[in-house]
Amino acid sequence: MLLRLVLAVVLLAVAVWVGGPMVVITLAPDRDAPPEVDRILPEAKRYLAGQLDAFTSVVRYVGWEYRERDHLVILMFEMRAFPFVAVDRAYLESRCTPIEELDPVGMGGGRGVEDFATDPEISHLRSDSQPSCNDR
C-alpha cells in the first residue's frame, strides 16, 4: 500500500514536471507577431529562457513597439519557470538598427517589469532625451 502511494506521488511529480510547460504553452500561447518580428522570436525566447537558468522555463511573446524614426524596437515577453505560477515580465530593446538586421542576443533589455506602458526604463527608452542615431 505504501509503495503504491509513493509510486503515485512520484508519477504525479513527473507528470507535473514534464507536462507543466505544455499546459502553460497551451493555455497562454504567443500573441501574433508581424513577420519582421516573428523571424527572431525563437532565438529571442531561447535567449530569455537561458537567463532564467531553468531547464523548464517557458517564454511567451506578448507584444512589441516600433518607432520608425530611430528604429526603436521593444519586444515584450512573459517568462515562467517551474512551477509556472509566478510571471516575470521582460523586454528586449534596440535602437538605430534596422528591424531586418536585429539579433536578439545583441539587444539590450531588462526584467522585472510591472507594466510595459509605465515602466521607468522603457519610458526612458521612448523619451526624446535619447541621442539621435547620427550621434552613435
N, C-alpha and C. Protein backbone atom coordinates (compact mmCIF):
# COMPACT_ATOMS: atom_id res chain seq x y z
N MET A 1 0.82 -1.19 0.00
CA MET A 1 0.00 0.00 0.00
C MET A 1 0.87 1.26 0.00
N LEU A 2 1.87 1.31 0.88
CA LEU A 2 2.76 2.45 0.96
C LEU A 2 3.57 2.60 -0.34
N LEU A 3 3.98 1.48 -0.91
CA LEU A 3 4.73 1.51 -2.16
C LEU A 3 3.88 2.10 -3.28
N ARG A 4 2.61 1.75 -3.34
CA ARG A 4 1.71 2.32 -4.35
C ARG A 4 1.55 3.82 -4.16
N LEU A 5 1.43 4.26 -2.94
CA LEU A 5 1.28 5.69 -2.65
C LEU A 5 2.54 6.45 -3.07
N VAL A 6 3.70 5.92 -2.74
CA VAL A 6 4.96 6.55 -3.12
C VAL A 6 5.08 6.58 -4.65
N LEU A 7 4.74 5.49 -5.31
CA LEU A 7 4.79 5.43 -6.76
C LEU A 7 3.83 6.44 -7.39
N ALA A 8 2.64 6.56 -6.83
CA ALA A 8 1.65 7.53 -7.34
C ALA A 8 2.17 8.96 -7.19
N VAL A 9 2.79 9.27 -6.06
CA VAL A 9 3.33 10.61 -5.84
C VAL A 9 4.46 10.90 -6.82
N VAL A 10 5.34 9.93 -7.03
CA VAL A 10 6.45 10.10 -7.96
C VAL A 10 5.92 10.30 -9.38
N LEU A 11 4.95 9.49 -9.79
CA LEU A 11 4.38 9.64 -11.13
C LEU A 11 3.69 10.99 -11.31
N LEU A 12 3.01 11.45 -10.29
CA LEU A 12 2.36 12.76 -10.35
C LEU A 12 3.40 13.87 -10.47
N ALA A 13 4.47 13.75 -9.72
CA ALA A 13 5.53 14.76 -9.78
C ALA A 13 6.17 14.79 -11.17
N VAL A 14 6.42 13.63 -11.75
CA VAL A 14 6.99 13.56 -13.09
C VAL A 14 6.02 14.15 -14.11
N ALA A 15 4.74 13.85 -13.98
CA ALA A 15 3.74 14.39 -14.91
C ALA A 15 3.68 15.91 -14.83
N VAL A 16 3.75 16.46 -13.64
CA VAL A 16 3.74 17.92 -13.49
C VAL A 16 5.01 18.51 -14.06
N TRP A 17 6.15 17.88 -13.80
CA TRP A 17 7.44 18.39 -14.27
C TRP A 17 7.49 18.40 -15.80
N VAL A 18 7.05 17.32 -16.43
CA VAL A 18 7.11 17.20 -17.88
C VAL A 18 5.92 17.91 -18.54
N GLY A 19 4.75 17.79 -17.96
CA GLY A 19 3.55 18.35 -18.57
C GLY A 19 3.32 19.82 -18.28
N GLY A 20 3.96 20.36 -17.26
CA GLY A 20 3.76 21.76 -16.89
C GLY A 20 3.99 22.74 -18.02
N PRO A 21 5.13 22.66 -18.71
CA PRO A 21 5.36 23.59 -19.82
C PRO A 21 4.29 23.48 -20.91
N MET A 22 3.83 22.28 -21.18
CA MET A 22 2.81 22.10 -22.22
C MET A 22 1.49 22.76 -21.81
N VAL A 23 1.13 22.66 -20.54
CA VAL A 23 -0.09 23.30 -20.06
C VAL A 23 0.02 24.81 -20.18
N VAL A 24 1.16 25.37 -19.78
CA VAL A 24 1.36 26.82 -19.85
C VAL A 24 1.32 27.28 -21.31
N ILE A 25 1.99 26.58 -22.20
CA ILE A 25 2.02 26.94 -23.61
C ILE A 25 0.63 26.83 -24.22
N THR A 26 -0.11 25.81 -23.86
CA THR A 26 -1.44 25.61 -24.41
C THR A 26 -2.42 26.66 -23.92
N LEU A 27 -2.36 27.00 -22.64
CA LEU A 27 -3.30 27.96 -22.08
C LEU A 27 -2.95 29.40 -22.44
N ALA A 28 -1.69 29.68 -22.69
CA ALA A 28 -1.26 31.05 -22.98
C ALA A 28 -0.26 31.04 -24.13
N PRO A 29 -0.73 30.86 -25.36
CA PRO A 29 0.20 30.86 -26.49
C PRO A 29 0.72 32.27 -26.79
N ASP A 30 1.76 32.34 -27.60
CA ASP A 30 2.28 33.63 -28.04
C ASP A 30 1.19 34.42 -28.74
N ARG A 31 1.27 35.74 -28.60
CA ARG A 31 0.40 36.59 -29.41
C ARG A 31 0.92 36.59 -30.84
N ASP A 32 0.08 36.96 -31.78
CA ASP A 32 0.51 37.05 -33.17
C ASP A 32 1.55 38.15 -33.31
N ALA A 33 2.56 37.88 -34.10
CA ALA A 33 3.63 38.86 -34.32
C ALA A 33 3.74 39.15 -35.81
N PRO A 34 4.10 40.38 -36.14
CA PRO A 34 4.33 40.69 -37.55
C PRO A 34 5.53 39.90 -38.07
N PRO A 35 5.59 39.65 -39.38
CA PRO A 35 6.67 38.82 -39.94
C PRO A 35 8.07 39.28 -39.57
N GLU A 36 8.31 40.58 -39.54
CA GLU A 36 9.66 41.08 -39.23
C GLU A 36 10.08 40.76 -37.81
N VAL A 37 9.14 40.56 -36.92
CA VAL A 37 9.45 40.18 -35.54
C VAL A 37 9.39 38.66 -35.39
N ASP A 38 8.45 38.05 -36.07
CA ASP A 38 8.25 36.60 -35.95
C ASP A 38 9.52 35.82 -36.29
N ARG A 39 10.32 36.32 -37.19
CA ARG A 39 11.53 35.60 -37.61
C ARG A 39 12.57 35.51 -36.50
N ILE A 40 12.58 36.46 -35.55
CA ILE A 40 13.59 36.43 -34.49
C ILE A 40 13.04 35.92 -33.16
N LEU A 41 11.75 35.66 -33.07
CA LEU A 41 11.17 35.22 -31.80
C LEU A 41 11.75 33.92 -31.26
N PRO A 42 11.95 32.88 -32.07
CA PRO A 42 12.52 31.66 -31.48
C PRO A 42 13.86 31.90 -30.79
N GLU A 43 14.74 32.64 -31.43
CA GLU A 43 16.05 32.92 -30.82
C GLU A 43 15.91 33.82 -29.60
N ALA A 44 15.02 34.80 -29.67
CA ALA A 44 14.80 35.70 -28.53
C ALA A 44 14.26 34.93 -27.33
N LYS A 45 13.34 34.02 -27.57
CA LYS A 45 12.77 33.23 -26.47
C LYS A 45 13.80 32.29 -25.86
N ARG A 46 14.63 31.67 -26.70
CA ARG A 46 15.70 30.80 -26.17
C ARG A 46 16.67 31.62 -25.33
N TYR A 47 17.01 32.80 -25.80
CA TYR A 47 17.94 33.67 -25.06
C TYR A 47 17.36 34.04 -23.69
N LEU A 48 16.11 34.45 -23.66
CA LEU A 48 15.49 34.82 -22.38
C LEU A 48 15.32 33.62 -21.47
N ALA A 49 14.97 32.46 -22.02
CA ALA A 49 14.84 31.25 -21.20
C ALA A 49 16.16 30.91 -20.54
N GLY A 50 17.25 31.12 -21.26
CA GLY A 50 18.57 30.88 -20.69
C GLY A 50 18.88 31.83 -19.55
N GLN A 51 18.30 33.02 -19.57
CA GLN A 51 18.51 33.98 -18.49
C GLN A 51 17.86 33.53 -17.19
N LEU A 52 16.85 32.67 -17.28
CA LEU A 52 16.19 32.15 -16.07
C LEU A 52 17.00 31.04 -15.42
N ASP A 53 17.97 30.49 -16.16
CA ASP A 53 18.76 29.36 -15.65
C ASP A 53 17.87 28.21 -15.20
N ALA A 54 16.82 27.96 -15.95
CA ALA A 54 15.90 26.88 -15.59
C ALA A 54 15.64 26.02 -16.82
N PHE A 55 15.73 24.74 -16.65
CA PHE A 55 15.54 23.79 -17.75
C PHE A 55 14.13 23.87 -18.32
N THR A 56 13.16 24.09 -17.47
CA THR A 56 11.77 24.03 -17.91
C THR A 56 11.13 25.41 -18.05
N SER A 57 11.90 26.43 -18.28
CA SER A 57 11.31 27.76 -18.39
C SER A 57 10.51 27.89 -19.68
N VAL A 58 9.47 28.71 -19.60
CA VAL A 58 8.59 28.97 -20.73
C VAL A 58 8.56 30.48 -20.95
N VAL A 59 8.80 30.91 -22.17
CA VAL A 59 8.80 32.33 -22.51
C VAL A 59 7.68 32.55 -23.53
N ARG A 60 6.86 33.55 -23.27
CA ARG A 60 5.73 33.87 -24.14
C ARG A 60 5.86 35.29 -24.65
N TYR A 61 5.76 35.45 -25.96
CA TYR A 61 5.78 36.77 -26.60
C TYR A 61 4.42 37.42 -26.38
N VAL A 62 4.42 38.68 -25.89
CA VAL A 62 3.14 39.36 -25.62
C VAL A 62 2.95 40.64 -26.42
N GLY A 63 3.98 41.14 -27.09
CA GLY A 63 3.77 42.33 -27.90
C GLY A 63 5.07 43.02 -28.27
N TRP A 64 4.92 44.10 -29.04
CA TRP A 64 6.09 44.86 -29.46
C TRP A 64 5.71 46.29 -29.72
N GLU A 65 6.71 47.13 -29.75
CA GLU A 65 6.57 48.52 -30.15
C GLU A 65 7.63 48.79 -31.20
N TYR A 66 7.29 49.64 -32.14
CA TYR A 66 8.26 50.03 -33.16
C TYR A 66 8.07 51.51 -33.48
N ARG A 67 9.18 52.22 -33.49
CA ARG A 67 9.17 53.63 -33.88
C ARG A 67 10.15 53.77 -35.03
N GLU A 68 9.63 54.16 -36.18
CA GLU A 68 10.41 54.16 -37.41
C GLU A 68 11.53 55.21 -37.42
N ARG A 69 11.30 56.38 -36.84
CA ARG A 69 12.27 57.46 -36.99
C ARG A 69 13.66 57.11 -36.44
N ASP A 70 13.73 56.28 -35.40
CA ASP A 70 15.03 55.87 -34.86
C ASP A 70 15.14 54.35 -34.72
N HIS A 71 14.26 53.65 -35.40
CA HIS A 71 14.24 52.18 -35.38
C HIS A 71 14.17 51.61 -33.96
N LEU A 72 13.44 52.28 -33.08
CA LEU A 72 13.27 51.75 -31.73
C LEU A 72 12.36 50.53 -31.78
N VAL A 73 12.88 49.42 -31.29
CA VAL A 73 12.11 48.18 -31.22
C VAL A 73 12.13 47.73 -29.77
N ILE A 74 10.94 47.46 -29.23
CA ILE A 74 10.82 46.88 -27.88
C ILE A 74 9.98 45.62 -28.01
N LEU A 75 10.58 44.48 -27.72
CA LEU A 75 9.88 43.20 -27.72
C LEU A 75 9.52 42.87 -26.28
N MET A 76 8.26 42.52 -26.03
CA MET A 76 7.78 42.28 -24.67
C MET A 76 7.44 40.80 -24.47
N PHE A 77 7.84 40.28 -23.30
CA PHE A 77 7.68 38.85 -23.02
C PHE A 77 7.20 38.64 -21.58
N GLU A 78 6.58 37.48 -21.38
CA GLU A 78 6.31 36.95 -20.03
C GLU A 78 7.12 35.67 -19.90
N MET A 79 7.79 35.51 -18.77
CA MET A 79 8.61 34.33 -18.54
C MET A 79 8.12 33.61 -17.30
N ARG A 80 8.12 32.29 -17.38
CA ARG A 80 7.73 31.47 -16.23
C ARG A 80 8.72 30.33 -16.08
N ALA A 81 9.14 30.11 -14.86
CA ALA A 81 9.99 28.96 -14.55
C ALA A 81 9.17 28.02 -13.66
N PHE A 82 9.57 26.78 -13.61
CA PHE A 82 8.86 25.79 -12.80
C PHE A 82 8.69 26.31 -11.39
N PRO A 83 7.55 26.26 -10.80
CA PRO A 83 6.31 25.55 -11.14
C PRO A 83 5.30 26.38 -11.94
N PHE A 84 5.75 27.40 -12.66
CA PHE A 84 4.96 28.16 -13.62
C PHE A 84 3.86 29.03 -13.01
N VAL A 85 3.95 29.33 -11.74
CA VAL A 85 2.94 30.14 -11.07
C VAL A 85 3.28 31.62 -11.22
N ALA A 86 4.51 31.99 -10.94
CA ALA A 86 4.92 33.39 -10.97
C ALA A 86 5.30 33.80 -12.40
N VAL A 87 4.94 35.03 -12.75
CA VAL A 87 5.28 35.59 -14.05
C VAL A 87 6.35 36.66 -13.87
N ASP A 88 7.38 36.59 -14.67
CA ASP A 88 8.43 37.60 -14.70
C ASP A 88 8.35 38.24 -16.08
N ARG A 89 8.07 39.53 -16.13
CA ARG A 89 7.98 40.23 -17.42
C ARG A 89 9.35 40.76 -17.81
N ALA A 90 9.65 40.66 -19.09
CA ALA A 90 10.95 41.09 -19.59
C ALA A 90 10.78 41.72 -20.96
N TYR A 91 11.82 42.43 -21.37
CA TYR A 91 11.80 43.04 -22.70
C TYR A 91 13.19 43.00 -23.30
N LEU A 92 13.23 43.04 -24.61
CA LEU A 92 14.45 43.24 -25.37
C LEU A 92 14.26 44.51 -26.17
N GLU A 93 15.32 45.32 -26.28
CA GLU A 93 15.19 46.59 -26.99
C GLU A 93 16.38 46.85 -27.89
N SER A 94 16.11 47.63 -28.92
CA SER A 94 17.16 48.04 -29.83
C SER A 94 16.77 49.39 -30.44
N ARG A 95 17.78 50.22 -30.67
CA ARG A 95 17.58 51.49 -31.37
C ARG A 95 18.66 51.60 -32.44
N CYS A 96 18.31 52.28 -33.49
CA CYS A 96 19.26 52.62 -34.56
C CYS A 96 19.73 51.42 -35.37
N THR A 97 19.09 50.30 -35.24
CA THR A 97 19.39 49.13 -36.06
C THR A 97 18.14 48.80 -36.86
N PRO A 98 18.25 48.77 -38.17
CA PRO A 98 17.07 48.42 -38.97
C PRO A 98 16.49 47.08 -38.53
N ILE A 99 15.18 47.00 -38.55
CA ILE A 99 14.49 45.84 -38.00
C ILE A 99 14.91 44.55 -38.69
N GLU A 100 15.25 44.61 -39.96
CA GLU A 100 15.65 43.38 -40.67
C GLU A 100 17.05 42.91 -40.26
N GLU A 101 17.79 43.73 -39.51
CA GLU A 101 19.13 43.35 -39.05
C GLU A 101 19.18 43.00 -37.56
N LEU A 102 18.05 42.94 -36.91
CA LEU A 102 18.03 42.68 -35.46
C LEU A 102 18.55 41.29 -35.12
N ASP A 103 19.31 41.23 -34.04
CA ASP A 103 19.81 39.98 -33.48
C ASP A 103 19.45 40.00 -31.99
N PRO A 104 18.56 39.14 -31.53
CA PRO A 104 18.10 39.19 -30.14
C PRO A 104 19.23 39.12 -29.12
N VAL A 105 20.27 38.37 -29.40
CA VAL A 105 21.35 38.22 -28.44
C VAL A 105 22.11 39.54 -28.26
N GLY A 106 22.13 40.37 -29.28
CA GLY A 106 22.82 41.65 -29.20
C GLY A 106 21.96 42.79 -28.70
N MET A 107 20.69 42.51 -28.41
CA MET A 107 19.78 43.57 -27.96
C MET A 107 19.94 43.79 -26.46
N GLY A 108 19.63 45.01 -26.02
CA GLY A 108 19.58 45.28 -24.59
C GLY A 108 18.25 44.80 -24.04
N GLY A 109 18.05 44.98 -22.77
CA GLY A 109 16.77 44.56 -22.21
C GLY A 109 16.74 44.64 -20.71
N GLY A 110 15.69 44.11 -20.15
CA GLY A 110 15.52 44.12 -18.71
C GLY A 110 14.44 43.15 -18.28
N ARG A 111 14.41 42.91 -16.98
CA ARG A 111 13.43 42.01 -16.36
C ARG A 111 12.77 42.72 -15.20
N GLY A 112 11.72 42.10 -14.68
CA GLY A 112 11.05 42.64 -13.50
C GLY A 112 10.12 43.79 -13.82
N VAL A 113 9.61 43.83 -15.03
CA VAL A 113 8.72 44.90 -15.46
C VAL A 113 7.33 44.65 -14.89
N GLU A 114 6.79 45.65 -14.19
CA GLU A 114 5.41 45.54 -13.68
C GLU A 114 4.40 45.82 -14.79
N ASP A 115 4.64 46.92 -15.51
CA ASP A 115 3.71 47.37 -16.56
C ASP A 115 4.55 47.93 -17.71
N PHE A 116 4.41 47.34 -18.88
CA PHE A 116 5.20 47.78 -20.03
C PHE A 116 4.91 49.24 -20.39
N ALA A 117 3.71 49.71 -20.14
CA ALA A 117 3.34 51.08 -20.52
C ALA A 117 3.97 52.13 -19.62
N THR A 118 4.22 51.79 -18.36
CA THR A 118 4.69 52.80 -17.41
C THR A 118 6.06 52.51 -16.80
N ASP A 119 6.69 51.42 -17.17
CA ASP A 119 8.00 51.08 -16.60
C ASP A 119 9.00 52.21 -16.85
N PRO A 120 9.71 52.68 -15.81
CA PRO A 120 10.62 53.81 -15.97
C PRO A 120 11.73 53.58 -17.00
N GLU A 121 12.30 52.39 -17.04
CA GLU A 121 13.37 52.13 -18.00
C GLU A 121 12.85 52.17 -19.43
N ILE A 122 11.69 51.57 -19.65
CA ILE A 122 11.11 51.57 -21.00
C ILE A 122 10.66 52.99 -21.37
N SER A 123 10.13 53.71 -20.42
CA SER A 123 9.73 55.11 -20.69
C SER A 123 10.95 55.94 -21.08
N HIS A 124 12.08 55.69 -20.45
CA HIS A 124 13.31 56.40 -20.80
C HIS A 124 13.74 56.06 -22.24
N LEU A 125 13.59 54.79 -22.62
CA LEU A 125 13.93 54.40 -24.00
C LEU A 125 13.06 55.14 -25.00
N ARG A 126 11.81 55.37 -24.65
CA ARG A 126 10.86 56.04 -25.55
C ARG A 126 11.06 57.56 -25.58
N SER A 127 11.76 58.11 -24.61
CA SER A 127 11.83 59.57 -24.46
C SER A 127 12.69 60.20 -25.56
N ASP A 128 12.45 61.49 -25.75
CA ASP A 128 13.23 62.24 -26.73
C ASP A 128 14.61 62.62 -26.19
N SER A 129 14.91 62.26 -24.97
CA SER A 129 16.23 62.55 -24.41
C SER A 129 17.32 61.60 -24.93
N GLN A 130 16.92 60.59 -25.65
CA GLN A 130 17.88 59.65 -26.21
C GLN A 130 18.68 60.33 -27.31
N PRO A 131 19.98 60.05 -27.43
CA PRO A 131 20.77 60.65 -28.50
C PRO A 131 20.25 60.17 -29.86
N SER A 132 20.42 61.00 -30.85
CA SER A 132 19.97 60.60 -32.19
C SER A 132 20.88 59.49 -32.73
N CYS A 133 20.39 58.78 -33.69
CA CYS A 133 21.16 57.69 -34.26
C CYS A 133 22.41 58.20 -34.97
N ASN A 134 22.39 59.45 -35.39
CA ASN A 134 23.56 60.04 -36.05
C ASN A 134 24.70 60.28 -35.07
N ASP A 135 24.36 60.40 -33.76
CA ASP A 135 25.37 60.66 -32.74
C ASP A 135 26.07 59.38 -32.29
N ARG A 136 25.63 58.27 -32.71
CA ARG A 136 26.18 56.99 -32.25
C ARG A 136 27.41 56.61 -33.01
